C-alpha atoms as a PDB file:
ATOM      1  CA  MET A   1     -32.982  22.835   6.188  1.00  0.00           C
ATOM      2  CA  SER A   2     -30.824  20.518   4.094  1.00  0.00           C
ATOM      3  CA  VAL A   3     -27.636  19.214   5.618  1.00  0.00           C
ATOM      4  CA  CYS A   4     -24.401  19.891   3.766  1.00  0.00           C
ATOM      5  CA  PRO A   5     -23.087  16.492   2.570  1.00  0.00           C
ATOM      6  CA  LEU A   6     -19.464  17.501   3.103  1.00  0.00           C
ATOM      7  CA  TYR A   7     -19.452  18.950   6.591  1.00  0.00           C
ATOM      8  CA  GLY A   8     -22.930  18.007   7.857  1.00  0.00           C
ATOM      9  CA  ARG A   9     -24.443  19.264  11.064  1.00  0.00           C
ATOM     10  CA  HIS A  10     -21.121  20.440  12.490  1.00  0.00           C
ATOM     11  CA  THR A  11     -20.774  23.047   9.758  1.00  0.00           C
ATOM     12  CA  ILE A  12     -24.334  24.349  10.181  1.00  0.00           C
ATOM     13  CA  ALA A  13     -23.961  24.747  13.931  1.00  0.00           C
ATOM     14  CA  LEU A  14     -20.549  26.413  13.641  1.00  0.00           C
ATOM     15  CA  THR A  15     -21.830  28.753  10.915  1.00  0.00           C
ATOM     16  CA  LYS A  16     -24.670  29.917  13.174  1.00  0.00           C
ATOM     17  CA  HIS A  17     -22.236  30.618  15.997  1.00  0.00           C
ATOM     18  CA  LEU A  18     -19.900  32.427  13.615  1.00  0.00           C
ATOM     19  CA  ILE A  19     -22.673  34.722  12.353  1.00  0.00           C
ATOM     20  CA  LYS A  20     -23.829  35.433  15.898  1.00  0.00           C
ATOM     21  CA  TYR A  21     -20.260  36.246  16.937  1.00  0.00           C
ATOM     22  CA  VAL A  22     -19.774  38.643  14.003  1.00  0.00           C
ATOM     23  CA  VAL A  23     -22.993  40.502  14.809  1.00  0.00           C
ATOM     24  CA  ILE A  24     -22.103  40.843  18.510  1.00  0.00           C
ATOM     25  CA  THR A  25     -18.594  41.996  17.654  1.00  0.00           C
ATOM     26  CA  PHE A  26     -19.972  44.632  15.265  1.00  0.00           C
ATOM     27  CA  LEU A  27     -22.402  45.987  17.850  1.00  0.00           C
ATOM     28  CA  ILE A  28     -19.705  46.183  20.511  1.00  0.00           C
ATOM     29  CA  SER A  29     -17.350  47.984  18.167  1.00  0.00           C
ATOM     30  CA  MET A  30     -20.069  50.529  17.345  1.00  0.00           C
ATOM     31  CA  LEU A  31     -20.552  51.272  21.045  1.00  0.00           C
ATOM     32  CA  ASP A  32     -16.875  51.674  21.823  1.00  0.00           C
ATOM     33  CA  LYS A  33     -14.341  51.917  18.981  1.00  0.00           C
ATOM     34  CA  ARG A  34     -11.529  51.201  21.391  1.00  0.00           C
ATOM     35  CA  LEU A  35     -12.722  47.582  21.460  1.00  0.00           C
ATOM     36  CA  ILE A  36     -12.264  47.113  17.710  1.00  0.00           C
ATOM     37  CA  ALA A  37      -8.690  45.839  17.966  1.00  0.00           C
ATOM     38  CA  THR A  38      -9.530  43.493  20.827  1.00  0.00           C
ATOM     39  CA  SER A  39     -12.583  42.148  19.001  1.00  0.00           C
ATOM     40  CA  ALA A  40     -10.546  41.569  15.859  1.00  0.00           C
ATOM     41  CA  ARG A  41      -7.982  39.533  17.791  1.00  0.00           C
ATOM     42  CA  CYS A  42     -10.747  37.487  19.433  1.00  0.00           C
ATOM     43  CA  PHE A  43     -12.383  36.906  16.059  1.00  0.00           C
ATOM     44  CA  GLY A  44      -9.050  35.706  14.640  1.00  0.00           C
ATOM     45  CA  CYS A  45      -8.618  33.203  17.484  1.00  0.00           C
ATOM     46  CA  PHE A  46     -12.172  31.965  17.015  1.00  0.00           C
ATOM     47  CA  PHE A  47     -11.741  31.504  13.271  1.00  0.00           C
ATOM     48  CA  SER A  48      -8.453  29.625  13.820  1.00  0.00           C
ATOM     49  CA  SER A  49     -10.184  27.242  16.249  1.00  0.00           C
ATOM     50  CA  VAL A  50     -12.967  26.586  13.748  1.00  0.00           C
ATOM     51  CA  HIS A  51     -10.422  25.842  11.028  1.00  0.00           C
ATOM     52  CA  ARG A  52      -8.553  23.352  13.233  1.00  0.00           C
ATOM     53  CA  LEU A  53     -11.840  21.660  14.119  1.00  0.00           C
ATOM     54  CA  PHE A  54     -12.774  21.251  10.441  1.00  0.00           C
ATOM     55  CA  CYS A  55      -9.348  19.783   9.703  1.00  0.00           C
ATOM     56  CA  SER A  56      -9.589  17.293  12.575  1.00  0.00           C
ATOM     57  CA  LEU A  57     -13.089  16.181  11.532  1.00  0.00           C
ATOM     58  CA  HIS A  58     -12.102  15.517   7.932  1.00  0.00           C
ATOM     59  CA  ARG A  59      -8.479  14.419   8.243  1.00  0.00           C
ATOM     60  CA  ARG A  60      -7.758  11.122   6.535  1.00  0.00           C
ATOM     61  CA  PRO A  61      -6.842   8.383   9.004  1.00  0.00           C
ATOM     62  CA  GLN A  62      -3.189   7.371   8.825  1.00  0.00           C
ATOM     63  CA  TRP A  63      -2.329   3.730   8.164  1.00  0.00           C
ATOM     64  CA  ARG A  64      -0.424   2.050  10.964  1.00  0.00           C
ATOM     65  CA  PRO A  65       0.925  -1.470  11.132  1.00  0.00           C
ATOM     66  CA  ASN A  66      -0.897  -3.972  13.278  1.00  0.00           C
ATOM     67  CA  SER A  67       0.173  -3.279  16.883  1.00  0.00           C
ATOM     68  CA  THR A  68      -1.009  -6.608  18.308  1.00  0.00           C
ATOM     69  CA  ALA A  69       1.604  -9.362  18.211  1.00  0.00           C
ATOM     70  CA  MET A  70       0.567 -12.286  16.019  1.00  0.00           C
ATOM     71  CA  ARG A  71       2.322 -15.625  15.939  1.00  0.00           C
ATOM     72  CA  LEU A  72       3.059 -16.894  12.472  1.00  0.00           C
ATOM     73  CA  SER A  73       0.892 -19.958  11.842  1.00  0.00           C
ATOM     74  CA  ALA A  74       0.135 -22.247   8.940  1.00  0.00           C
ATOM     75  CA  ASP A  75      -3.290 -20.602   8.592  1.00  0.00           C
ATOM     76  CA  ILE A  76      -1.785 -17.119   8.256  1.00  0.00           C
ATOM     77  CA  ILE A  77       0.671 -18.413   5.670  1.00  0.00           C
ATOM     78  CA  SER A  78      -2.083 -20.081   3.648  1.00  0.00           C
ATOM     79  CA  GLN A  79      -4.160 -16.869   3.646  1.00  0.00           C
ATOM     80  CA  ALA A  80      -1.262 -14.506   2.882  1.00  0.00           C
ATOM     81  CA  GLU A  81      -0.942 -12.695  -0.429  1.00  0.00           C
ATOM     82  CA  GLN A  82       0.961 -14.671  -3.045  1.00  0.00           C
ATOM     83  CA  ARG A  83       2.107 -13.062  -6.261  1.00  0.00           C
ATOM     84  CA  SER A  84       4.685 -12.857  -9.011  1.00  0.00           C
ATOM     85  CA  ASN A  85       6.981  -9.895  -8.411  1.00  0.00           C
ATOM     86  CA  PRO A  86       8.477  -7.710 -11.197  1.00  0.00           C
ATOM     87  CA  LEU A  87      11.423 -10.129 -11.469  1.00  0.00           C
ATOM     88  CA  GLY A  88       9.062 -12.977 -12.262  1.00  0.00           C
ATOM     89  CA  GLU A  89       9.715 -14.647  -8.903  1.00  0.00           C
ATOM     90  CA  ARG A  90       7.041 -16.207  -6.742  1.00  0.00           C
ATOM     91  CA  GLU A  91       6.626 -14.104  -3.602  1.00  0.00           C
ATOM     92  CA  ILE A  92       4.613 -14.438  -0.406  1.00  0.00           C
ATOM     93  CA  VAL A  93       3.796 -11.264   1.551  1.00  0.00           C
ATOM     94  CA  LEU A  94       3.857 -11.475   5.354  1.00  0.00           C
ATOM     95  CA  ARG A  95       4.515  -7.827   6.156  1.00  0.00           C
ATOM     96  CA  GLY A  96       2.914  -5.659   8.829  1.00  0.00           C
ATOM     97  CA  LEU A  97       1.567  -8.513  10.977  1.00  0.00           C
ATOM     98  CA  ALA A  98       3.617  -7.799  14.131  1.00  0.00           C
ATOM     99  CA  ILE A  99       5.132 -11.293  13.876  1.00  0.00           C
ATOM    100  CA  PRO A 100       7.599 -11.756  16.782  1.00  0.00           C
ATOM    101  CA  SER A 101       9.516 -14.743  15.404  1.00  0.00           C
ATOM    102  CA  ILE A 102       9.965 -16.922  12.337  1.00  0.00           C
ATOM    103  CA  GLU A 103       8.135 -20.251  12.555  1.00  0.00           C
ATOM    104  CA  HIS A 104       5.989 -22.713  10.579  1.00  0.00           C
ATOM    105  CA  LEU A 105       7.537 -21.741   7.246  1.00  0.00           C
ATOM    106  CA  GLY A 106       7.376 -25.389   6.264  1.00  0.00           C
ATOM    107  CA  ALA A 107       3.775 -24.572   5.343  1.00  0.00           C
ATOM    108  CA  THR A 108       5.107 -22.709   2.299  1.00  0.00           C
ATOM    109  CA  ARG A 109       6.240 -26.103   0.898  1.00  0.00           C
ATOM    110  CA  ASP A 110       9.267 -24.396  -0.657  1.00  0.00           C
ATOM    111  CA  LEU A 111       7.133 -22.829  -3.380  1.00  0.00           C
ATOM    112  CA  PHE A 112       8.511 -19.289  -3.152  1.00  0.00           C
ATOM    113  CA  ASP A 113      11.619 -17.459  -4.300  1.00  0.00           C
ATOM    114  CA  THR A 114      10.949 -14.437  -2.060  1.00  0.00           C
ATOM    115  CA  ILE A 115       9.463 -13.910   1.395  1.00  0.00           C
ATOM    116  CA  ASP A 116       8.492 -10.399   2.511  1.00  0.00           C
ATOM    117  CA  PHE A 117       8.751 -10.087   6.321  1.00  0.00           C
ATOM    118  CA  ALA A 118       8.970  -6.269   6.398  1.00  0.00           C
ATOM    119  CA  ASP A 119       7.476  -4.232   9.273  1.00  0.00           C
ATOM    120  CA  ASN A 120       7.161  -7.007  11.841  1.00  0.00           C
ATOM    121  CA  ARG A 121       8.779  -7.580  15.263  1.00  0.00           C
ATOM    122  CA  ILE A 122      11.278 -10.302  14.452  1.00  0.00           C
ATOM    123  CA  SER A 123      14.286 -10.091  16.781  1.00  0.00           C
ATOM    124  CA  ARG A 124      16.409 -13.009  15.559  1.00  0.00           C
ATOM    125  CA  LEU A 125      16.980 -14.434  12.090  1.00  0.00           C
ATOM    126  CA  GLU A 126      16.590 -18.148  12.744  1.00  0.00           C
ATOM    127  CA  ASN A 127      14.318 -21.206  12.666  1.00  0.00           C
ATOM    128  CA  PHE A 128      14.110 -21.651   8.888  1.00  0.00           C
ATOM    129  CA  PRO A 129      13.066 -25.077   7.628  1.00  0.00           C
ATOM    130  CA  ARG A 130      14.635 -26.564   4.502  1.00  0.00           C
ATOM    131  CA  LEU A 131      13.827 -24.022   1.759  1.00  0.00           C
ATOM    132  CA  LEU A 132      16.191 -24.583  -1.162  1.00  0.00           C
ATOM    133  CA  ARG A 133      14.203 -22.397  -3.556  1.00  0.00           C
ATOM    134  CA  LEU A 134      14.267 -19.303  -1.316  1.00  0.00           C
ATOM    135  CA  SER A 135      16.656 -16.664  -2.668  1.00  0.00           C
ATOM    136  CA  SER A 136      15.411 -13.309  -1.312  1.00  0.00           C
ATOM    137  CA  LEU A 137      14.419 -12.114   2.164  1.00  0.00           C
ATOM    138  CA  PHE A 138      12.945  -8.680   2.875  1.00  0.00           C
ATOM    139  CA  LEU A 139      13.245  -7.958   6.596  1.00  0.00           C
ATOM    140  CA  SER A 140      13.279  -4.158   6.817  1.00  0.00           C
ATOM    141  CA  GLY A 141      11.583  -2.487   9.750  1.00  0.00           C
ATOM    142  CA  ASN A 142      12.002  -5.329  12.235  1.00  0.00           C
ATOM    143  CA  SER A 143      14.013  -5.581  15.480  1.00  0.00           C
ATOM    144  CA  ILE A 144      16.631  -8.103  14.348  1.00  0.00           C
ATOM    145  CA  GLU A 145      19.673  -8.150  16.629  1.00  0.00           C
ATOM    146  CA  SER A 146      21.271 -11.504  15.851  1.00  0.00           C
ATOM    147  CA  ILE A 147      21.599 -14.102  13.080  1.00  0.00           C
ATOM    148  CA  ASP A 148      21.755 -17.885  13.379  1.00  0.00           C
ATOM    149  CA  ALA A 149      24.464 -18.649  10.822  1.00  0.00           C
ATOM    150  CA  LYS A 150      24.194 -22.443  11.160  1.00  0.00           C
ATOM    151  CA  ASN A 151      20.462 -22.438  10.497  1.00  0.00           C
ATOM    152  CA  LEU A 152      20.806 -20.207   7.435  1.00  0.00           C
ATOM    153  CA  LYS A 153      23.700 -22.206   6.025  1.00  0.00           C
ATOM    154  CA  LYS A 154      21.959 -25.538   6.461  1.00  0.00           C
ATOM    155  CA  ASN A 155      18.365 -24.726   5.479  1.00  0.00           C
ATOM    156  CA  VAL A 156      18.409 -21.648   3.194  1.00  0.00           C
ATOM    157  CA  PRO A 157      21.795 -21.899   1.439  1.00  0.00           C
ATOM    158  CA  ASN A 158      20.685 -20.138  -1.751  1.00  0.00           C
ATOM    159  CA  ILE A 159      19.958 -16.680  -0.326  1.00  0.00           C
ATOM    160  CA  THR A 160      21.332 -14.045  -2.709  1.00  0.00           C
ATOM    161  CA  ASN A 161      19.352 -10.951  -1.639  1.00  0.00           C
ATOM    162  CA  LEU A 162      19.039  -9.878   1.996  1.00  0.00           C
ATOM    163  CA  VAL A 163      17.370  -6.606   3.028  1.00  0.00           C
ATOM    164  CA  LEU A 164      17.950  -5.708   6.701  1.00  0.00           C
ATOM    165  CA  THR A 165      17.202  -1.985   6.579  1.00  0.00           C
ATOM    166  CA  ASP A 166      16.169  -0.375   9.901  1.00  0.00           C
ATOM    167  CA  ASN A 167      16.927  -3.210  12.288  1.00  0.00           C
ATOM    168  CA  ARG A 168      19.109  -3.420  15.436  1.00  0.00           C
ATOM    169  CA  ILE A 169      22.271  -5.175  14.295  1.00  0.00           C
ATOM    170  CA  GLU A 170      25.155  -3.747  16.315  1.00  0.00           C
ATOM    171  CA  GLY A 171      28.257  -5.945  16.233  1.00  0.00           C
ATOM    172  CA  LEU A 172      30.591  -6.804  13.394  1.00  0.00           C
ATOM    173  CA  HIS A 173      30.392 -10.444  14.494  1.00  0.00           C
ATOM    174  CA  GLU A 174      26.807 -10.468  13.207  1.00  0.00           C
ATOM    175  CA  ILE A 175      28.145  -9.428   9.799  1.00  0.00           C
ATOM    176  CA  GLY A 176      30.344 -12.497  10.058  1.00  0.00           C
ATOM    177  CA  ASN A 177      27.273 -14.618  10.819  1.00  0.00           C
ATOM    178  CA  ILE A 178      25.568 -13.277   7.710  1.00  0.00           C
ATOM    179  CA  ALA A 179      28.629 -14.125   5.636  1.00  0.00           C
ATOM    180  CA  GLU A 180      28.859 -17.608   7.112  1.00  0.00           C
ATOM    181  CA  GLY A 181      25.173 -18.353   6.717  1.00  0.00           C
ATOM    182  CA  CYS A 182      24.693 -16.863   3.250  1.00  0.00           C
ATOM    183  CA  ALA A 183      27.643 -17.997   1.163  1.00  0.00           C
ATOM    184  CA  LYS A 184      25.922 -17.021  -2.115  1.00  0.00           C
ATOM    185  CA  LEU A 185      24.885 -13.545  -0.964  1.00  0.00           C
ATOM    186  CA  GLU A 186      25.115 -10.871  -3.673  1.00  0.00           C
ATOM    187  CA  PHE A 187      22.998  -7.954  -2.427  1.00  0.00           C
ATOM    188  CA  LEU A 188      22.923  -6.803   1.202  1.00  0.00           C
ATOM    189  CA  THR A 189      21.306  -3.727   2.759  1.00  0.00           C
ATOM    190  CA  LEU A 190      22.168  -2.667   6.316  1.00  0.00           C
ATOM    191  CA  THR A 191      21.132   0.984   6.245  1.00  0.00           C
ATOM    192  CA  GLY A 192      19.567   2.132   9.517  1.00  0.00           C
ATOM    193  CA  ASN A 193      21.349  -0.403  11.764  1.00  0.00           C
ATOM    194  CA  PRO A 194      23.634   0.646  14.654  1.00  0.00           C
ATOM    195  CA  VAL A 195      26.446  -1.372  13.084  1.00  0.00           C
ATOM    196  CA  THR A 196      26.697   1.173  10.279  1.00  0.00           C
ATOM    197  CA  SER A 197      28.375   3.522  12.743  1.00  0.00           C
ATOM    198  CA  GLU A 198      31.357   1.174  12.716  1.00  0.00           C
ATOM    199  CA  PHE A 199      33.894   2.657  10.316  1.00  0.00           C
ATOM    200  CA  LEU A 200      35.438  -0.718   9.503  1.00  0.00           C
ATOM    201  CA  ILE A 201      32.209  -2.479   8.546  1.00  0.00           C
ATOM    202  CA  LEU A 202      32.996  -2.572   4.836  1.00  0.00           C
ATOM    203  CA  ASN A 203      36.497  -3.947   5.319  1.00  0.00           C
ATOM    204  CA  GLY A 204      35.201  -6.349   7.948  1.00  0.00           C
ATOM    205  CA  ALA A 205      32.522  -7.672   5.631  1.00  0.00           C
ATOM    206  CA  LEU A 206      35.016  -8.227   2.864  1.00  0.00           C
ATOM    207  CA  ALA A 207      37.381  -9.919   5.296  1.00  0.00           C
ATOM    208  CA  PHE A 208      34.646 -12.377   6.201  1.00  0.00           C
ATOM    209  CA  GLY A 209      34.572 -13.550   2.592  1.00  0.00           C
ATOM    210  CA  TYR A 210      31.687 -11.722   0.925  1.00  0.00           C
ATOM    211  CA  SER A 211      31.272 -12.026  -2.812  1.00  0.00           C
ATOM    212  CA  ILE A 212      28.575  -9.367  -2.846  1.00  0.00           C
ATOM    213  CA  ARG A 213      28.009  -7.007  -5.743  1.00  0.00           C
ATOM    214  CA  PHE A 214      26.130  -4.332  -3.795  1.00  0.00           C
ATOM    215  CA  PHE A 215      26.703  -3.395  -0.162  1.00  0.00           C
ATOM    216  CA  ASN A 216      24.390  -0.605   0.968  1.00  0.00           C
ATOM    217  CA  VAL A 217      26.396   1.314   3.562  1.00  0.00           C
ATOM    218  CA  LEU A 218      26.838   4.495   1.557  1.00  0.00           C
ATOM    219  CA  ARG A 219      27.383   6.672   4.627  1.00  0.00           C
ATOM    220  CA  LEU A 220      30.384   4.586   5.600  1.00  0.00           C
ATOM    221  CA  TYR A 221      31.790   4.830   2.110  1.00  0.00           C
ATOM    222  CA  CYS A 222      31.597   8.612   2.321  1.00  0.00           C
ATOM    223  CA  LEU A 223      33.307   8.565   5.723  1.00  0.00           C
ATOM    224  CA  GLY A 224      36.032   6.364   4.320  1.00  0.00           C
ATOM    225  CA  THR A 225      36.747   8.777   1.487  1.00  0.00           C
ATOM    226  CA  THR A 226      37.131  11.714   3.866  1.00  0.00           C
ATOM    227  CA  ARG A 227      39.629  10.080   6.233  1.00  0.00           C
END
């Protein structure tokens, strides 16, 4: 007997059991018609179980980020994907590596306009070496709670785009640290942070001296228009 290439031996075995079950059910129903309804319900349960088994055997595995923490090293940086993004900027991709902290970025030799740190475990925005070319940081999906304003101001003064979606920034003072550390900031995204529950975040950010063109706290803007 040839094995079905799609379902294999599991399908053949289950088909045999299904046929046997149908025959037994038919014979029982012929002997006592009162068992027809009960047999039909049992057959429905059996068929449902078979269907769930087929789905579990052939379900596509879901992609999940690396769950093992990995320290950022010069070797990882040298092996990371490097590309030109749609804006024509040089970009290095360090996403999904479960990196707990920023370190050893001197290995990039200031050759990149953009660094993608999305979907890691970074808890503090700090420890940047002197990277004058760097203008964009993608840090969505991390655990960032605080920002080292002095480090940003001294070593990455040309940041214009900062994506902090889905992090853990809570206090307005951290917005002040962003403003102090990124004097040239134009685009900032804070969606998904606890601080977005603060009604005064937009006014606070402007009070800290932002010259941004786009400030992604749309929910707060809607709240402001209804009060």
